[in-house]
Amino acid sequence: MSAPVIARTNTPPGSPVVNDRYLTADAPTTPWTTADSIAIYRGGGVWTEHQPPENDTVFANDTGLVWIQRSGVYVDYFDAVLKERIQDTVATMLIGGTGITVTYDDGAGEITLSVP
């Protein structure tokens, strides 16, 4: 997990402080150049950017969201990982019940139960 960032944004702040960290979004503006990277202010108008490895996670202080890097793009951790796990866990619990037939459409997030 990377160190927390102040925010995920496309626009650098007007008055950054040395070592401020931001997660760039999909269309960063000058002086940032790389989408979905960590930008760190070094002082004197200088920013460094780096792209963390696949599955890196970072917490954004402004929203309280955790972002995870998937195929070079940061996505909301809840949507990318946890929601799928919750859906699969619920489906497993339902399927495991005695006498319960379950049709579970993971794509639509719908559950149809048939209790004989």
N, C-alpha and C. Protein backbone atom coordinates (compact mmCIF):
# COMPACT_ATOMS: atom_id res chain seq x y z
N MET A 1 0.86 -1.18 0.00
CA MET A 1 0.00 0.00 0.00
C MET A 1 0.89 1.23 0.00
N SER A 2 0.57 2.16 -0.89
CA SER A 2 1.29 3.42 -0.94
C SER A 2 0.86 4.30 0.23
N ALA A 3 1.69 5.28 0.57
CA ALA A 3 1.33 6.25 1.60
C ALA A 3 0.08 7.01 1.15
N PRO A 4 -0.73 7.49 2.08
CA PRO A 4 -1.96 8.20 1.71
C PRO A 4 -1.67 9.44 0.86
N VAL A 5 -2.68 9.82 0.08
CA VAL A 5 -2.61 11.03 -0.72
C VAL A 5 -3.64 12.03 -0.19
N ILE A 6 -3.44 13.30 -0.53
CA ILE A 6 -4.39 14.33 -0.11
C ILE A 6 -5.70 14.16 -0.86
N ALA A 7 -5.59 13.90 -2.17
CA ALA A 7 -6.80 13.77 -3.00
C ALA A 7 -6.46 13.07 -4.31
N ARG A 8 -7.50 12.60 -4.99
CA ARG A 8 -7.36 12.13 -6.38
C ARG A 8 -7.96 13.24 -7.23
N THR A 9 -7.14 13.81 -8.09
CA THR A 9 -7.56 14.98 -8.84
C THR A 9 -6.77 15.12 -10.14
N ASN A 10 -7.26 15.92 -11.05
CA ASN A 10 -6.54 16.23 -12.28
C ASN A 10 -5.75 17.53 -12.18
N THR A 11 -6.06 18.35 -11.18
CA THR A 11 -5.49 19.69 -11.09
C THR A 11 -4.59 19.84 -9.88
N PRO A 12 -3.32 20.20 -10.09
CA PRO A 12 -2.42 20.44 -8.95
C PRO A 12 -2.93 21.60 -8.09
N PRO A 13 -2.64 21.58 -6.80
CA PRO A 13 -3.09 22.67 -5.93
C PRO A 13 -2.31 23.95 -6.22
N GLY A 14 -2.90 25.08 -5.84
CA GLY A 14 -2.25 26.36 -6.07
C GLY A 14 -1.04 26.61 -5.19
N SER A 15 -1.07 26.11 -3.97
CA SER A 15 0.04 26.35 -3.03
C SER A 15 0.44 25.04 -2.34
N PRO A 16 1.10 24.15 -3.07
CA PRO A 16 1.49 22.87 -2.44
C PRO A 16 2.61 23.07 -1.43
N VAL A 17 2.68 22.11 -0.52
CA VAL A 17 3.74 22.07 0.49
C VAL A 17 4.65 20.90 0.14
N VAL A 18 5.95 21.04 0.41
CA VAL A 18 6.90 19.98 0.10
C VAL A 18 6.41 18.65 0.68
N ASN A 19 6.47 17.61 -0.14
CA ASN A 19 6.05 16.24 0.16
C ASN A 19 4.54 16.02 0.13
N ASP A 20 3.77 17.02 -0.32
CA ASP A 20 2.35 16.77 -0.55
C ASP A 20 2.24 15.69 -1.62
N ARG A 21 1.28 14.79 -1.43
CA ARG A 21 1.09 13.67 -2.36
C ARG A 21 -0.32 13.68 -2.92
N TYR A 22 -0.44 13.48 -4.22
CA TYR A 22 -1.73 13.42 -4.89
C TYR A 22 -1.77 12.22 -5.81
N LEU A 23 -2.96 11.68 -6.02
CA LEU A 23 -3.18 10.63 -7.01
C LEU A 23 -3.79 11.32 -8.22
N THR A 24 -3.07 11.30 -9.35
CA THR A 24 -3.62 11.94 -10.54
C THR A 24 -4.77 11.11 -11.09
N ALA A 25 -5.75 11.79 -11.65
CA ALA A 25 -6.91 11.12 -12.21
C ALA A 25 -6.68 10.83 -13.70
N ASP A 26 -7.74 10.79 -14.48
CA ASP A 26 -7.63 10.35 -15.88
C ASP A 26 -7.13 11.40 -16.86
N ALA A 27 -7.13 12.68 -16.49
CA ALA A 27 -6.70 13.74 -17.43
C ALA A 27 -5.95 14.84 -16.68
N PRO A 28 -4.75 14.53 -16.17
CA PRO A 28 -4.02 15.51 -15.37
C PRO A 28 -3.59 16.74 -16.18
N THR A 29 -3.53 17.86 -15.49
CA THR A 29 -3.11 19.11 -16.13
C THR A 29 -1.69 19.46 -15.70
N THR A 30 -1.04 20.33 -16.48
CA THR A 30 0.34 20.75 -16.25
C THR A 30 0.49 21.29 -14.82
N PRO A 31 1.53 20.92 -14.11
CA PRO A 31 2.73 20.23 -14.56
C PRO A 31 2.65 18.71 -14.51
N TRP A 32 1.51 18.16 -14.07
CA TRP A 32 1.38 16.71 -14.06
C TRP A 32 1.19 16.22 -15.49
N THR A 33 1.73 15.05 -15.79
CA THR A 33 1.66 14.55 -17.16
C THR A 33 1.12 13.13 -17.27
N THR A 34 1.12 12.37 -16.18
CA THR A 34 0.77 10.96 -16.26
C THR A 34 -0.51 10.66 -15.49
N ALA A 35 -1.50 10.12 -16.18
CA ALA A 35 -2.75 9.73 -15.53
C ALA A 35 -2.50 8.56 -14.59
N ASP A 36 -3.28 8.51 -13.51
CA ASP A 36 -3.22 7.40 -12.55
C ASP A 36 -1.82 7.15 -12.02
N SER A 37 -1.18 8.22 -11.58
CA SER A 37 0.13 8.10 -10.96
C SER A 37 0.13 8.86 -9.64
N ILE A 38 1.16 8.64 -8.85
CA ILE A 38 1.32 9.37 -7.60
C ILE A 38 2.22 10.56 -7.90
N ALA A 39 1.74 11.78 -7.60
CA ALA A 39 2.52 13.00 -7.80
C ALA A 39 2.94 13.52 -6.44
N ILE A 40 4.24 13.78 -6.28
CA ILE A 40 4.78 14.27 -5.01
C ILE A 40 5.46 15.60 -5.26
N TYR A 41 5.09 16.62 -4.45
CA TYR A 41 5.69 17.94 -4.62
C TYR A 41 7.05 17.97 -3.93
N ARG A 42 8.08 18.39 -4.67
CA ARG A 42 9.45 18.41 -4.15
C ARG A 42 9.93 19.81 -3.79
N GLY A 43 9.13 20.83 -4.07
CA GLY A 43 9.51 22.21 -3.78
C GLY A 43 10.02 22.91 -5.03
N GLY A 44 9.99 24.24 -5.00
CA GLY A 44 10.49 25.02 -6.12
C GLY A 44 9.75 24.78 -7.42
N GLY A 45 8.47 24.39 -7.34
CA GLY A 45 7.68 24.14 -8.54
C GLY A 45 7.91 22.78 -9.16
N VAL A 46 8.71 21.92 -8.51
CA VAL A 46 9.06 20.61 -9.07
C VAL A 46 8.17 19.52 -8.48
N TRP A 47 7.58 18.73 -9.37
CA TRP A 47 6.80 17.56 -8.99
C TRP A 47 7.48 16.32 -9.55
N THR A 48 7.41 15.22 -8.83
CA THR A 48 7.83 13.93 -9.39
C THR A 48 6.58 13.06 -9.46
N GLU A 49 6.55 12.20 -10.47
CA GLU A 49 5.42 11.29 -10.63
C GLU A 49 5.96 9.87 -10.77
N HIS A 50 5.27 8.93 -10.19
CA HIS A 50 5.63 7.53 -10.41
C HIS A 50 4.37 6.69 -10.46
N GLN A 51 4.44 5.63 -11.21
CA GLN A 51 3.31 4.72 -11.34
C GLN A 51 3.60 3.47 -10.53
N PRO A 52 2.87 3.28 -9.43
CA PRO A 52 3.07 2.11 -8.57
C PRO A 52 2.72 0.81 -9.30
N PRO A 53 3.10 -0.32 -8.72
CA PRO A 53 2.85 -1.61 -9.36
C PRO A 53 1.37 -2.00 -9.32
N GLU A 54 1.04 -2.97 -10.15
CA GLU A 54 -0.31 -3.55 -10.21
C GLU A 54 -0.77 -3.94 -8.80
N ASN A 55 -2.04 -3.68 -8.51
CA ASN A 55 -2.68 -4.00 -7.24
C ASN A 55 -2.24 -3.11 -6.08
N ASP A 56 -1.48 -2.06 -6.37
CA ASP A 56 -1.14 -1.10 -5.32
C ASP A 56 -2.42 -0.43 -4.85
N THR A 57 -2.51 -0.17 -3.56
CA THR A 57 -3.66 0.55 -3.02
C THR A 57 -3.20 1.85 -2.39
N VAL A 58 -4.08 2.84 -2.42
CA VAL A 58 -3.76 4.14 -1.82
C VAL A 58 -5.05 4.74 -1.25
N PHE A 59 -4.92 5.32 -0.06
CA PHE A 59 -6.04 5.96 0.62
C PHE A 59 -6.06 7.44 0.28
N ALA A 60 -7.23 7.97 -0.11
CA ALA A 60 -7.37 9.40 -0.40
C ALA A 60 -8.03 10.09 0.79
N ASN A 61 -7.30 10.99 1.41
CA ASN A 61 -7.80 11.67 2.61
C ASN A 61 -9.07 12.49 2.37
N ASP A 62 -9.21 13.07 1.18
CA ASP A 62 -10.36 13.95 0.95
C ASP A 62 -11.69 13.21 0.89
N THR A 63 -11.70 11.99 0.39
CA THR A 63 -12.95 11.25 0.23
C THR A 63 -13.08 10.05 1.16
N GLY A 64 -11.96 9.60 1.70
CA GLY A 64 -11.97 8.40 2.52
C GLY A 64 -12.02 7.13 1.68
N LEU A 65 -11.84 7.26 0.36
CA LEU A 65 -11.85 6.10 -0.51
C LEU A 65 -10.47 5.46 -0.62
N VAL A 66 -10.47 4.16 -0.81
CA VAL A 66 -9.24 3.43 -1.11
C VAL A 66 -9.28 3.11 -2.60
N TRP A 67 -8.18 3.42 -3.29
CA TRP A 67 -8.07 3.17 -4.73
C TRP A 67 -7.09 2.03 -4.95
N ILE A 68 -7.37 1.18 -5.92
CA ILE A 68 -6.48 0.06 -6.25
C ILE A 68 -6.11 0.16 -7.73
N GLN A 69 -4.84 -0.10 -8.02
CA GLN A 69 -4.38 -0.04 -9.41
C GLN A 69 -4.65 -1.34 -10.11
N ARG A 70 -5.42 -1.27 -11.19
CA ARG A 70 -5.76 -2.44 -11.99
C ARG A 70 -5.45 -2.12 -13.45
N SER A 71 -4.53 -2.84 -14.06
CA SER A 71 -4.16 -2.65 -15.47
C SER A 71 -3.78 -1.20 -15.76
N GLY A 72 -3.02 -0.59 -14.85
CA GLY A 72 -2.51 0.76 -15.06
C GLY A 72 -3.47 1.88 -14.71
N VAL A 73 -4.66 1.53 -14.19
CA VAL A 73 -5.67 2.53 -13.86
C VAL A 73 -6.10 2.33 -12.41
N TYR A 74 -6.21 3.43 -11.67
CA TYR A 74 -6.72 3.32 -10.30
C TYR A 74 -8.24 3.32 -10.32
N VAL A 75 -8.83 2.35 -9.64
CA VAL A 75 -10.28 2.23 -9.54
C VAL A 75 -10.66 2.13 -8.07
N ASP A 76 -11.91 2.44 -7.76
CA ASP A 76 -12.42 2.37 -6.40
C ASP A 76 -12.31 0.93 -5.89
N TYR A 77 -11.62 0.72 -4.79
CA TYR A 77 -11.38 -0.62 -4.23
C TYR A 77 -12.69 -1.33 -3.93
N PHE A 78 -13.67 -0.61 -3.39
CA PHE A 78 -14.94 -1.24 -3.07
C PHE A 78 -15.59 -1.82 -4.32
N ASP A 79 -15.68 -0.99 -5.38
CA ASP A 79 -16.30 -1.46 -6.61
C ASP A 79 -15.51 -2.58 -7.27
N ALA A 80 -14.18 -2.49 -7.23
CA ALA A 80 -13.34 -3.45 -7.95
C ALA A 80 -13.17 -4.77 -7.21
N VAL A 81 -13.18 -4.74 -5.90
CA VAL A 81 -12.83 -5.94 -5.14
C VAL A 81 -13.91 -6.35 -4.15
N LEU A 82 -14.25 -5.46 -3.24
CA LEU A 82 -15.13 -5.85 -2.14
C LEU A 82 -16.54 -6.18 -2.57
N LYS A 83 -17.12 -5.40 -3.49
CA LYS A 83 -18.49 -5.65 -3.92
C LYS A 83 -18.61 -7.05 -4.53
N GLU A 84 -17.65 -7.42 -5.35
CA GLU A 84 -17.64 -8.76 -5.96
C GLU A 84 -17.55 -9.85 -4.89
N ARG A 85 -16.68 -9.63 -3.89
CA ARG A 85 -16.54 -10.63 -2.82
C ARG A 85 -17.82 -10.75 -2.01
N ILE A 86 -18.47 -9.63 -1.74
CA ILE A 86 -19.73 -9.66 -0.98
C ILE A 86 -20.79 -10.42 -1.78
N GLN A 87 -20.92 -10.11 -3.07
CA GLN A 87 -21.90 -10.81 -3.90
C GLN A 87 -21.63 -12.30 -3.94
N ASP A 88 -20.37 -12.68 -4.09
CA ASP A 88 -20.03 -14.10 -4.14
C ASP A 88 -20.29 -14.79 -2.81
N THR A 89 -20.02 -14.10 -1.71
CA THR A 89 -20.25 -14.68 -0.38
C THR A 89 -21.74 -14.90 -0.14
N VAL A 90 -22.56 -13.92 -0.50
CA VAL A 90 -24.01 -14.06 -0.34
C VAL A 90 -24.51 -15.22 -1.19
N ALA A 91 -24.06 -15.31 -2.43
CA ALA A 91 -24.49 -16.40 -3.31
C ALA A 91 -24.08 -17.75 -2.73
N THR A 92 -22.89 -17.85 -2.21
CA THR A 92 -22.41 -19.11 -1.62
C THR A 92 -23.26 -19.50 -0.41
N MET A 93 -23.59 -18.53 0.43
CA MET A 93 -24.41 -18.82 1.61
C MET A 93 -25.80 -19.30 1.20
N LEU A 94 -26.37 -18.66 0.17
CA LEU A 94 -27.70 -19.05 -0.28
C LEU A 94 -27.70 -20.43 -0.92
N ILE A 95 -26.70 -20.68 -1.74
CA ILE A 95 -26.61 -21.98 -2.42
C ILE A 95 -26.38 -23.10 -1.40
N GLY A 96 -25.69 -22.79 -0.33
CA GLY A 96 -25.38 -23.80 0.68
C GLY A 96 -26.57 -24.17 1.56
N GLY A 97 -27.68 -23.44 1.49
CA GLY A 97 -28.84 -23.73 2.33
C GLY A 97 -29.55 -24.99 1.87
N THR A 98 -30.16 -25.71 2.81
CA THR A 98 -30.87 -26.95 2.50
C THR A 98 -32.18 -26.67 1.78
N GLY A 99 -32.39 -27.34 0.64
CA GLY A 99 -33.65 -27.23 -0.08
C GLY A 99 -33.83 -25.91 -0.82
N ILE A 100 -32.80 -25.15 -1.00
CA ILE A 100 -32.91 -23.86 -1.68
C ILE A 100 -32.25 -23.96 -3.04
N THR A 101 -32.98 -23.55 -4.07
CA THR A 101 -32.43 -23.45 -5.41
C THR A 101 -32.20 -21.98 -5.70
N VAL A 102 -31.04 -21.65 -6.20
CA VAL A 102 -30.70 -20.25 -6.40
C VAL A 102 -30.26 -20.02 -7.84
N THR A 103 -30.77 -18.96 -8.46
CA THR A 103 -30.26 -18.48 -9.72
C THR A 103 -29.62 -17.14 -9.40
N TYR A 104 -28.36 -17.02 -9.65
CA TYR A 104 -27.63 -15.81 -9.28
C TYR A 104 -26.96 -15.22 -10.51
N ASP A 105 -27.37 -14.04 -10.91
CA ASP A 105 -26.81 -13.35 -12.06
C ASP A 105 -25.82 -12.31 -11.55
N ASP A 106 -24.55 -12.66 -11.55
CA ASP A 106 -23.53 -11.80 -10.99
C ASP A 106 -23.43 -10.46 -11.72
N GLY A 107 -23.61 -10.46 -13.02
CA GLY A 107 -23.50 -9.22 -13.79
C GLY A 107 -24.56 -8.20 -13.42
N ALA A 108 -25.79 -8.65 -13.21
CA ALA A 108 -26.88 -7.75 -12.87
C ALA A 108 -27.04 -7.58 -11.36
N GLY A 109 -26.39 -8.45 -10.60
CA GLY A 109 -26.50 -8.38 -9.16
C GLY A 109 -27.86 -8.82 -8.65
N GLU A 110 -28.58 -9.65 -9.43
CA GLU A 110 -29.91 -10.11 -9.05
C GLU A 110 -29.84 -11.53 -8.50
N ILE A 111 -30.70 -11.79 -7.53
CA ILE A 111 -30.78 -13.13 -6.94
C ILE A 111 -32.24 -13.59 -7.07
N THR A 112 -32.45 -14.79 -7.59
CA THR A 112 -33.79 -15.38 -7.66
C THR A 112 -33.78 -16.65 -6.83
N LEU A 113 -34.63 -16.74 -5.86
CA LEU A 113 -34.71 -17.91 -4.98
C LEU A 113 -35.95 -18.74 -5.28
N SER A 114 -35.78 -20.04 -5.15
CA SER A 114 -36.91 -20.94 -5.27
C SER A 114 -36.82 -21.93 -4.11
N VAL A 115 -37.75 -21.87 -3.20
CA VAL A 115 -37.73 -22.75 -2.03
C VAL A 115 -38.82 -23.81 -2.22
N PRO A 116 -38.40 -25.10 -2.41
CA PRO A 116 -39.39 -26.17 -2.64
C PRO A 116 -40.22 -26.46 -1.40
